[in-house]
Amino acid sequence: MQSTPNRTSKIPRPGTLSPRISQESKSPQGSGSSQEPKSPQPLEGSASTSATSRDEYPIVSHLTQGLEECDWEHLQDKYADAMEEHGRAEEKLRVETAQLLEVFMVWSQTTVSQDETRALKRFKTQMQHVQNSEVNVEMKKKHYADVVKAFQNALALLNDQLKI
């Protein structure tokens, strides 16, 4: 574990704060009373109320037993260490995710590249088929033109023989 420098805790410790308010803040403002400030009164969540609730609810007493003697600095250090450990685990997961994303991107690009290659081959095949079809149509057109010319020649010969 990495030792952490002494830092001031923002976590309130049980027994270190005694929230009390003065009677002045309880009196309505603008009342014009010039009373002497009385002794501070405890808030509802103060020690006297919690002692009453401990007596009334033994489970609360059992659960809160020993909180004041707890080593809060040690607990805070353990918490900070646990958070650092989780941060390292999260960073490790982030790195693994980035690596998997790179693999996925390479796979995706390979798939796209293969699809493009197949599409190019398919396009070339289609172009060749179209060109062959055009050549065949031209050959048939020429053949039919030759057949028509042969019939015309045959008719011309027959017409010449009939005139004699």
N, C-alpha and C. Protein backbone atom coordinates (compact mmCIF):
# COMPACT_ATOMS: atom_id res chain seq x y z
N MET A 1 0.83 -1.19 0.00
CA MET A 1 0.00 0.00 0.00
C MET A 1 0.87 1.24 0.00
N GLN A 2 0.38 2.25 -0.63
CA GLN A 2 1.10 3.50 -0.73
C GLN A 2 0.70 4.38 0.45
N SER A 3 1.70 4.94 1.13
CA SER A 3 1.35 5.79 2.26
C SER A 3 0.90 7.14 1.74
N THR A 4 -0.11 7.66 2.38
CA THR A 4 -0.63 8.95 1.94
C THR A 4 -0.21 10.01 2.94
N PRO A 5 0.09 11.21 2.48
CA PRO A 5 0.49 12.27 3.41
C PRO A 5 -0.68 12.64 4.31
N ASN A 6 -0.33 13.22 5.46
CA ASN A 6 -1.39 13.66 6.37
C ASN A 6 -2.26 14.68 5.66
N ARG A 7 -3.52 14.45 5.68
CA ARG A 7 -4.44 15.37 5.05
C ARG A 7 -5.57 15.65 6.02
N THR A 8 -6.11 16.81 5.92
CA THR A 8 -7.20 17.15 6.81
C THR A 8 -8.46 16.48 6.31
N SER A 9 -9.17 15.91 7.20
CA SER A 9 -10.37 15.17 6.85
C SER A 9 -11.56 16.10 6.80
N LYS A 10 -12.40 15.89 5.83
CA LYS A 10 -13.64 16.65 5.73
C LYS A 10 -14.79 15.86 6.32
N ILE A 11 -14.48 14.68 6.85
CA ILE A 11 -15.51 13.84 7.45
C ILE A 11 -15.64 14.22 8.91
N PRO A 12 -16.83 14.60 9.37
CA PRO A 12 -16.98 14.95 10.79
C PRO A 12 -16.83 13.71 11.65
N ARG A 13 -16.12 13.85 12.72
CA ARG A 13 -15.89 12.75 13.65
C ARG A 13 -16.94 12.80 14.77
N PRO A 14 -17.46 11.65 15.19
CA PRO A 14 -18.42 11.67 16.29
C PRO A 14 -17.76 12.22 17.55
N GLY A 15 -18.46 13.08 18.23
CA GLY A 15 -17.96 13.62 19.49
C GLY A 15 -17.09 14.85 19.30
N THR A 16 -16.63 15.15 18.08
CA THR A 16 -15.77 16.32 17.88
C THR A 16 -16.58 17.58 17.64
N LEU A 17 -17.75 17.42 17.08
CA LEU A 17 -18.62 18.57 16.86
C LEU A 17 -19.83 18.47 17.76
N SER A 18 -20.18 19.54 18.38
CA SER A 18 -21.43 19.54 19.14
C SER A 18 -22.30 20.64 18.59
N PRO A 19 -23.15 20.27 17.65
CA PRO A 19 -23.98 21.30 17.02
C PRO A 19 -24.96 21.89 18.02
N ARG A 20 -24.79 23.16 18.27
CA ARG A 20 -25.69 23.87 19.19
C ARG A 20 -26.01 25.22 18.56
N ILE A 21 -27.20 25.68 18.84
CA ILE A 21 -27.55 27.02 18.36
C ILE A 21 -27.97 27.86 19.55
N SER A 22 -27.81 29.11 19.42
CA SER A 22 -28.15 29.99 20.54
C SER A 22 -29.63 30.34 20.50
N GLN A 23 -30.09 30.83 21.60
CA GLN A 23 -31.50 31.22 21.73
C GLN A 23 -31.80 32.39 20.82
N GLU A 24 -30.78 33.22 20.53
CA GLU A 24 -31.00 34.38 19.68
C GLU A 24 -31.50 33.97 18.31
N SER A 25 -30.91 32.93 17.74
CA SER A 25 -31.32 32.53 16.41
C SER A 25 -32.69 31.88 16.42
N LYS A 26 -33.15 31.45 17.61
CA LYS A 26 -34.49 30.86 17.69
C LYS A 26 -35.56 31.94 17.80
N SER A 27 -35.22 33.10 18.34
CA SER A 27 -36.22 34.14 18.52
C SER A 27 -36.55 34.75 17.18
N PRO A 28 -37.80 35.12 16.99
CA PRO A 28 -38.19 35.69 15.70
C PRO A 28 -37.49 37.02 15.47
N GLN A 29 -37.10 37.27 14.25
CA GLN A 29 -36.41 38.51 13.93
C GLN A 29 -37.41 39.66 13.92
N GLY A 30 -36.91 40.80 14.33
CA GLY A 30 -37.76 41.98 14.31
C GLY A 30 -38.73 42.04 15.48
N SER A 31 -38.57 41.17 16.48
CA SER A 31 -39.50 41.20 17.61
C SER A 31 -39.13 42.31 18.58
N GLY A 32 -37.91 42.80 18.48
CA GLY A 32 -37.50 43.93 19.31
C GLY A 32 -37.23 43.53 20.74
N SER A 33 -37.15 42.28 21.03
CA SER A 33 -36.89 41.88 22.40
C SER A 33 -35.41 42.04 22.69
N SER A 34 -35.08 42.55 23.84
CA SER A 34 -33.69 42.74 24.21
C SER A 34 -33.35 41.79 25.34
N GLN A 35 -33.56 40.50 25.07
CA GLN A 35 -33.26 39.51 26.09
C GLN A 35 -31.78 39.19 26.05
N GLU A 36 -31.28 38.76 27.16
CA GLU A 36 -29.90 38.30 27.25
C GLU A 36 -29.81 36.98 26.52
N PRO A 37 -28.70 36.74 25.84
CA PRO A 37 -28.56 35.43 25.20
C PRO A 37 -28.51 34.35 26.26
N LYS A 38 -29.33 33.35 26.06
CA LYS A 38 -29.37 32.24 27.02
C LYS A 38 -28.35 31.20 26.62
N SER A 39 -28.20 30.23 27.45
CA SER A 39 -27.22 29.17 27.15
C SER A 39 -27.66 28.42 25.91
N PRO A 40 -26.71 27.99 25.13
CA PRO A 40 -27.05 27.29 23.88
C PRO A 40 -27.87 26.04 24.14
N GLN A 41 -28.84 25.82 23.28
CA GLN A 41 -29.71 24.66 23.38
C GLN A 41 -29.24 23.60 22.39
N PRO A 42 -29.30 22.33 22.73
CA PRO A 42 -28.87 21.28 21.80
C PRO A 42 -29.88 21.11 20.68
N LEU A 43 -29.36 20.75 19.51
CA LEU A 43 -30.23 20.41 18.38
C LEU A 43 -30.87 19.07 18.62
N GLU A 44 -31.79 18.71 17.73
CA GLU A 44 -32.50 17.45 17.91
C GLU A 44 -31.58 16.25 17.77
N GLY A 45 -30.56 16.33 16.96
CA GLY A 45 -29.68 15.18 16.75
C GLY A 45 -28.50 15.18 17.68
N SER A 46 -28.55 15.91 18.78
CA SER A 46 -27.39 16.02 19.66
C SER A 46 -27.26 14.82 20.57
N ALA A 47 -26.27 14.89 21.45
CA ALA A 47 -25.93 13.75 22.31
C ALA A 47 -27.06 13.37 23.25
N SER A 48 -27.81 14.35 23.80
CA SER A 48 -28.87 14.01 24.75
C SER A 48 -29.98 13.24 24.05
N THR A 49 -30.30 13.63 22.82
CA THR A 49 -31.33 12.92 22.08
C THR A 49 -30.84 11.54 21.69
N SER A 50 -29.56 11.46 21.27
CA SER A 50 -29.05 10.14 20.86
C SER A 50 -28.94 9.22 22.05
N ALA A 51 -28.67 9.75 23.25
CA ALA A 51 -28.62 8.89 24.44
C ALA A 51 -30.01 8.35 24.72
N THR A 52 -31.03 9.18 24.53
CA THR A 52 -32.40 8.72 24.74
C THR A 52 -32.75 7.64 23.72
N SER A 53 -32.36 7.87 22.47
CA SER A 53 -32.70 6.87 21.46
C SER A 53 -31.92 5.59 21.68
N ARG A 54 -30.73 5.69 22.22
CA ARG A 54 -29.97 4.47 22.51
C ARG A 54 -30.66 3.65 23.59
N ASP A 55 -31.21 4.35 24.57
CA ASP A 55 -31.92 3.64 25.63
C ASP A 55 -33.20 3.02 25.11
N GLU A 56 -33.88 3.75 24.21
CA GLU A 56 -35.15 3.26 23.68
C GLU A 56 -34.94 2.14 22.67
N TYR A 57 -33.88 2.23 21.90
CA TYR A 57 -33.62 1.25 20.84
C TYR A 57 -32.29 0.56 21.10
N PRO A 58 -32.32 -0.63 21.67
CA PRO A 58 -31.05 -1.31 22.00
C PRO A 58 -30.22 -1.64 20.75
N ILE A 59 -30.86 -1.83 19.61
CA ILE A 59 -30.09 -2.15 18.40
C ILE A 59 -29.23 -0.94 17.98
N VAL A 60 -29.76 0.29 18.17
CA VAL A 60 -29.00 1.49 17.87
C VAL A 60 -27.81 1.57 18.81
N SER A 61 -28.03 1.26 20.06
CA SER A 61 -26.94 1.28 21.03
C SER A 61 -25.87 0.27 20.64
N HIS A 62 -26.30 -0.88 20.20
CA HIS A 62 -25.35 -1.93 19.80
C HIS A 62 -24.56 -1.51 18.56
N LEU A 63 -25.24 -0.89 17.61
CA LEU A 63 -24.58 -0.51 16.36
C LEU A 63 -23.63 0.67 16.55
N THR A 64 -23.97 1.60 17.42
CA THR A 64 -23.13 2.79 17.60
C THR A 64 -22.08 2.61 18.68
N GLN A 65 -22.06 1.48 19.30
CA GLN A 65 -21.09 1.23 20.38
C GLN A 65 -19.67 1.24 19.80
N GLY A 66 -18.81 2.02 20.34
CA GLY A 66 -17.42 2.06 19.93
C GLY A 66 -17.12 3.01 18.79
N LEU A 67 -18.10 3.78 18.32
CA LEU A 67 -17.84 4.71 17.23
C LEU A 67 -16.89 5.83 17.64
N GLU A 68 -17.02 6.28 18.88
CA GLU A 68 -16.18 7.39 19.34
C GLU A 68 -14.73 6.95 19.49
N GLU A 69 -14.49 5.69 19.77
CA GLU A 69 -13.11 5.21 19.95
C GLU A 69 -12.50 4.74 18.64
N CYS A 70 -13.25 4.83 17.55
CA CYS A 70 -12.78 4.34 16.25
C CYS A 70 -11.62 5.20 15.75
N ASP A 71 -10.66 4.56 15.10
CA ASP A 71 -9.51 5.26 14.52
C ASP A 71 -9.92 5.77 13.14
N TRP A 72 -10.44 7.00 13.11
CA TRP A 72 -11.01 7.54 11.88
C TRP A 72 -9.94 7.82 10.84
N GLU A 73 -8.76 8.21 11.26
CA GLU A 73 -7.68 8.47 10.30
C GLU A 73 -7.31 7.17 9.58
N HIS A 74 -7.24 6.08 10.35
CA HIS A 74 -6.92 4.78 9.74
C HIS A 74 -8.03 4.37 8.76
N LEU A 75 -9.28 4.60 9.17
CA LEU A 75 -10.41 4.28 8.30
C LEU A 75 -10.36 5.11 7.03
N GLN A 76 -10.03 6.38 7.17
CA GLN A 76 -9.94 7.25 6.00
C GLN A 76 -8.79 6.79 5.09
N ASP A 77 -7.68 6.40 5.66
CA ASP A 77 -6.55 5.89 4.86
C ASP A 77 -6.94 4.61 4.14
N LYS A 78 -7.66 3.73 4.83
CA LYS A 78 -8.12 2.49 4.18
C LYS A 78 -9.06 2.81 3.03
N TYR A 79 -9.93 3.79 3.24
CA TYR A 79 -10.86 4.19 2.19
C TYR A 79 -10.09 4.75 0.99
N ALA A 80 -9.12 5.62 1.26
CA ALA A 80 -8.33 6.20 0.18
C ALA A 80 -7.56 5.12 -0.57
N ASP A 81 -6.99 4.16 0.16
CA ASP A 81 -6.27 3.06 -0.49
C ASP A 81 -7.20 2.21 -1.34
N ALA A 82 -8.40 1.94 -0.81
CA ALA A 82 -9.38 1.15 -1.58
C ALA A 82 -9.79 1.89 -2.84
N MET A 83 -9.97 3.20 -2.74
CA MET A 83 -10.35 3.98 -3.92
C MET A 83 -9.22 3.99 -4.95
N GLU A 84 -7.97 4.08 -4.48
CA GLU A 84 -6.83 4.02 -5.40
C GLU A 84 -6.77 2.67 -6.09
N GLU A 85 -7.02 1.61 -5.33
CA GLU A 85 -7.01 0.26 -5.92
C GLU A 85 -8.10 0.12 -6.97
N HIS A 86 -9.28 0.63 -6.65
CA HIS A 86 -10.38 0.58 -7.63
C HIS A 86 -10.06 1.46 -8.84
N GLY A 87 -9.38 2.57 -8.61
CA GLY A 87 -8.96 3.43 -9.71
C GLY A 87 -7.99 2.70 -10.64
N ARG A 88 -7.05 1.96 -10.04
CA ARG A 88 -6.11 1.18 -10.86
C ARG A 88 -6.84 0.10 -11.63
N ALA A 89 -7.79 -0.57 -10.98
CA ALA A 89 -8.56 -1.61 -11.67
C ALA A 89 -9.38 -1.00 -12.81
N GLU A 90 -9.94 0.16 -12.57
CA GLU A 90 -10.72 0.84 -13.61
C GLU A 90 -9.82 1.23 -14.78
N GLU A 91 -8.62 1.72 -14.48
CA GLU A 91 -7.69 2.09 -15.54
C GLU A 91 -7.28 0.86 -16.35
N LYS A 92 -7.07 -0.26 -15.63
CA LYS A 92 -6.72 -1.51 -16.33
C LYS A 92 -7.85 -1.92 -17.26
N LEU A 93 -9.08 -1.82 -16.79
CA LEU A 93 -10.23 -2.14 -17.64
C LEU A 93 -10.32 -1.18 -18.82
N ARG A 94 -10.01 0.08 -18.59
CA ARG A 94 -10.04 1.07 -19.67
C ARG A 94 -9.02 0.71 -20.74
N VAL A 95 -7.81 0.29 -20.31
CA VAL A 95 -6.76 -0.09 -21.26
C VAL A 95 -7.19 -1.33 -22.04
N GLU A 96 -7.73 -2.34 -21.34
CA GLU A 96 -8.19 -3.56 -22.01
C GLU A 96 -9.30 -3.24 -23.01
N THR A 97 -10.21 -2.36 -22.63
CA THR A 97 -11.29 -1.97 -23.53
C THR A 97 -10.73 -1.27 -24.76
N ALA A 98 -9.73 -0.41 -24.56
CA ALA A 98 -9.12 0.28 -25.70
C ALA A 98 -8.44 -0.72 -26.63
N GLN A 99 -7.78 -1.73 -26.06
CA GLN A 99 -7.13 -2.75 -26.89
C GLN A 99 -8.17 -3.56 -27.66
N LEU A 100 -9.25 -3.92 -27.00
CA LEU A 100 -10.31 -4.67 -27.69
C LEU A 100 -10.95 -3.82 -28.77
N LEU A 101 -11.07 -2.53 -28.51
CA LEU A 101 -11.62 -1.63 -29.52
C LEU A 101 -10.70 -1.56 -30.74
N GLU A 102 -9.39 -1.55 -30.49
CA GLU A 102 -8.45 -1.57 -31.61
C GLU A 102 -8.60 -2.84 -32.43
N VAL A 103 -8.72 -3.99 -31.76
CA VAL A 103 -8.91 -5.27 -32.46
C VAL A 103 -10.20 -5.22 -33.26
N PHE A 104 -11.26 -4.70 -32.66
CA PHE A 104 -12.54 -4.60 -33.36
C PHE A 104 -12.42 -3.71 -34.59
N MET A 105 -11.70 -2.59 -34.45
CA MET A 105 -11.54 -1.68 -35.58
C MET A 105 -10.77 -2.36 -36.71
N VAL A 106 -9.73 -3.12 -36.37
CA VAL A 106 -8.97 -3.84 -37.40
C VAL A 106 -9.86 -4.87 -38.07
N TRP A 107 -10.63 -5.61 -37.27
CA TRP A 107 -11.55 -6.61 -37.82
C TRP A 107 -12.57 -5.94 -38.73
N SER A 108 -13.11 -4.82 -38.27
CA SER A 108 -14.10 -4.10 -39.05
C SER A 108 -13.51 -3.62 -40.37
N GLN A 109 -12.30 -3.08 -40.32
CA GLN A 109 -11.65 -2.61 -41.55
C GLN A 109 -11.37 -3.77 -42.49
N THR A 110 -10.98 -4.94 -41.93
CA THR A 110 -10.73 -6.11 -42.75
C THR A 110 -12.01 -6.54 -43.45
N THR A 111 -13.10 -6.55 -42.71
CA THR A 111 -14.39 -6.91 -43.29
C THR A 111 -14.77 -5.94 -44.40
N VAL A 112 -14.59 -4.66 -44.15
CA VAL A 112 -14.90 -3.65 -45.17
C VAL A 112 -14.01 -3.85 -46.39
N SER A 113 -12.74 -4.10 -46.15
CA SER A 113 -11.80 -4.30 -47.26
C SER A 113 -12.20 -5.53 -48.08
N GLN A 114 -12.55 -6.63 -47.40
CA GLN A 114 -12.97 -7.83 -48.13
C GLN A 114 -14.25 -7.58 -48.91
N ASP A 115 -15.19 -6.86 -48.30
CA ASP A 115 -16.43 -6.53 -49.01
C ASP A 115 -16.14 -5.68 -50.24
N GLU A 116 -15.22 -4.73 -50.10
CA GLU A 116 -14.87 -3.90 -51.25
C GLU A 116 -14.21 -4.73 -52.34
N THR A 117 -13.35 -5.67 -51.95
CA THR A 117 -12.69 -6.54 -52.93
C THR A 117 -13.73 -7.39 -53.66
N ARG A 118 -14.65 -7.98 -52.89
CA ARG A 118 -15.71 -8.78 -53.51
C ARG A 118 -16.58 -7.94 -54.43
N ALA A 119 -16.91 -6.74 -54.00
CA ALA A 119 -17.74 -5.86 -54.82
C ALA A 119 -17.02 -5.49 -56.11
N LEU A 120 -15.72 -5.26 -56.03
CA LEU A 120 -14.94 -4.93 -57.23
C LEU A 120 -14.93 -6.11 -58.20
N LYS A 121 -14.72 -7.32 -57.65
CA LYS A 121 -14.73 -8.52 -58.50
C LYS A 121 -16.10 -8.70 -59.15
N ARG A 122 -17.15 -8.50 -58.35
CA ARG A 122 -18.52 -8.64 -58.87
C ARG A 122 -18.77 -7.60 -59.97
N PHE A 123 -18.30 -6.38 -59.76
CA PHE A 123 -18.46 -5.33 -60.76
C PHE A 123 -17.71 -5.67 -62.05
N LYS A 124 -16.50 -6.18 -61.90
CA LYS A 124 -15.72 -6.56 -63.09
C LYS A 124 -16.42 -7.69 -63.85
N THR A 125 -16.95 -8.66 -63.10
CA THR A 125 -17.67 -9.77 -63.74
C THR A 125 -18.89 -9.25 -64.48
N GLN A 126 -19.63 -8.34 -63.86
CA GLN A 126 -20.81 -7.78 -64.51
C GLN A 126 -20.43 -6.99 -65.76
N MET A 127 -19.35 -6.22 -65.65
CA MET A 127 -18.89 -5.46 -66.82
C MET A 127 -18.50 -6.41 -67.96
N GLN A 128 -17.81 -7.49 -67.62
CA GLN A 128 -17.40 -8.46 -68.65
C GLN A 128 -18.64 -9.09 -69.29
N HIS A 129 -19.62 -9.42 -68.45
CA HIS A 129 -20.86 -10.01 -68.97
C HIS A 129 -21.56 -9.03 -69.92
N VAL A 130 -21.64 -7.77 -69.52
CA VAL A 130 -22.29 -6.76 -70.36
C VAL A 130 -21.52 -6.59 -71.67
N GLN A 131 -20.21 -6.54 -71.59
CA GLN A 131 -19.41 -6.40 -72.82
C GLN A 131 -19.59 -7.61 -73.73
N ASN A 132 -19.60 -8.82 -73.15
CA ASN A 132 -19.82 -10.03 -73.95
C ASN A 132 -21.21 -10.01 -74.58
N SER A 133 -22.20 -9.56 -73.79
CA SER A 133 -23.56 -9.48 -74.32
C SER A 133 -23.63 -8.48 -75.47
N GLU A 134 -22.96 -7.34 -75.34
CA GLU A 134 -22.94 -6.35 -76.41
C GLU A 134 -22.27 -6.90 -77.67
N VAL A 135 -21.19 -7.65 -77.47
CA VAL A 135 -20.50 -8.26 -78.62
C VAL A 135 -21.43 -9.27 -79.29
N ASN A 136 -22.12 -10.07 -78.48
CA ASN A 136 -23.05 -11.07 -79.04
C ASN A 136 -24.18 -10.38 -79.81
N VAL A 137 -24.72 -9.29 -79.25
CA VAL A 137 -25.79 -8.56 -79.93
C VAL A 137 -25.27 -8.00 -81.26
N GLU A 138 -24.06 -7.44 -81.26
CA GLU A 138 -23.48 -6.92 -82.51
C GLU A 138 -23.30 -8.03 -83.54
N MET A 139 -22.84 -9.20 -83.06
CA MET A 139 -22.65 -10.35 -83.99
C MET A 139 -24.00 -10.79 -84.56
N LYS A 140 -25.03 -10.86 -83.72
CA LYS A 140 -26.35 -11.26 -84.21
C LYS A 140 -26.90 -10.23 -85.18
N LYS A 141 -26.69 -8.95 -84.86
CA LYS A 141 -27.16 -7.87 -85.73
C LYS A 141 -26.49 -7.98 -87.11
N LYS A 142 -25.18 -8.21 -87.10
CA LYS A 142 -24.45 -8.36 -88.36
C LYS A 142 -24.94 -9.60 -89.11
N HIS A 143 -25.16 -10.69 -88.37
CA HIS A 143 -25.64 -11.93 -88.99
C HIS A 143 -27.01 -11.70 -89.64
N TYR A 144 -27.95 -11.04 -88.93
CA TYR A 144 -29.27 -10.77 -89.49
C TYR A 144 -29.17 -9.83 -90.70
N ALA A 145 -28.27 -8.87 -90.61
CA ALA A 145 -28.07 -7.97 -91.76
C ALA A 145 -27.56 -8.76 -92.97
N ASP A 146 -26.65 -9.69 -92.72
CA ASP A 146 -26.13 -10.53 -93.81
C ASP A 146 -27.24 -11.42 -94.37
N VAL A 147 -28.10 -11.95 -93.50
CA VAL A 147 -29.20 -12.82 -93.95
C VAL A 147 -30.16 -12.00 -94.81
N VAL A 148 -30.50 -10.80 -94.36
CA VAL A 148 -31.41 -9.94 -95.12
C VAL A 148 -30.79 -9.61 -96.48
N LYS A 149 -29.49 -9.30 -96.49
CA LYS A 149 -28.81 -8.98 -97.74
C LYS A 149 -28.82 -10.19 -98.68
N ALA A 150 -28.64 -11.38 -98.10
CA ALA A 150 -28.66 -12.60 -98.91
C ALA A 150 -30.05 -12.79 -99.52
N PHE A 151 -31.11 -12.55 -98.75
CA PHE A 151 -32.47 -12.66 -99.30
C PHE A 151 -32.70 -11.62 -100.40
N GLN A 152 -32.23 -10.44 -100.19
CA GLN A 152 -32.39 -9.39 -101.21
C GLN A 152 -31.66 -9.79 -102.50
N ASN A 153 -30.46 -10.32 -102.34
CA ASN A 153 -29.71 -10.78 -103.52
C ASN A 153 -30.46 -11.91 -104.22
N ALA A 154 -31.02 -12.82 -103.45
CA ALA A 154 -31.77 -13.93 -104.03
C ALA A 154 -32.99 -13.42 -104.76
N LEU A 155 -33.70 -12.45 -104.19
CA LEU A 155 -34.86 -11.87 -104.86
C LEU A 155 -34.46 -11.13 -106.13
N ALA A 156 -33.34 -10.45 -106.06
CA ALA A 156 -32.87 -9.73 -107.24
C ALA A 156 -32.55 -10.72 -108.36
N LEU A 157 -31.95 -11.83 -108.04
CA LEU A 157 -31.66 -12.85 -109.05
C LEU A 157 -32.95 -13.42 -109.62
N LEU A 158 -33.91 -13.67 -108.78
CA LEU A 158 -35.18 -14.20 -109.26
C LEU A 158 -35.89 -13.19 -110.15
N ASN A 159 -35.82 -11.92 -109.79
CA ASN A 159 -36.45 -10.89 -110.61
C ASN A 159 -35.74 -10.78 -111.96
N ASP A 160 -34.44 -10.93 -111.99
CA ASP A 160 -33.71 -10.87 -113.26
C ASP A 160 -34.06 -12.07 -114.12
N GLN A 161 -34.25 -13.20 -113.54
CA GLN A 161 -34.59 -14.40 -114.34
C GLN A 161 -36.00 -14.30 -114.86
N LEU A 162 -36.87 -13.68 -114.18
CA LEU A 162 -38.25 -13.56 -114.64
C LEU A 162 -38.34 -12.56 -115.81
N LYS A 163 -37.47 -11.61 -115.91
CA LYS A 163 -37.50 -10.64 -116.98
C LYS A 163 -36.98 -11.25 -118.28
N ILE A 164 -36.27 -12.21 -118.27
CA ILE A 164 -35.74 -12.78 -119.52
C ILE A 164 -36.73 -13.66 -120.18
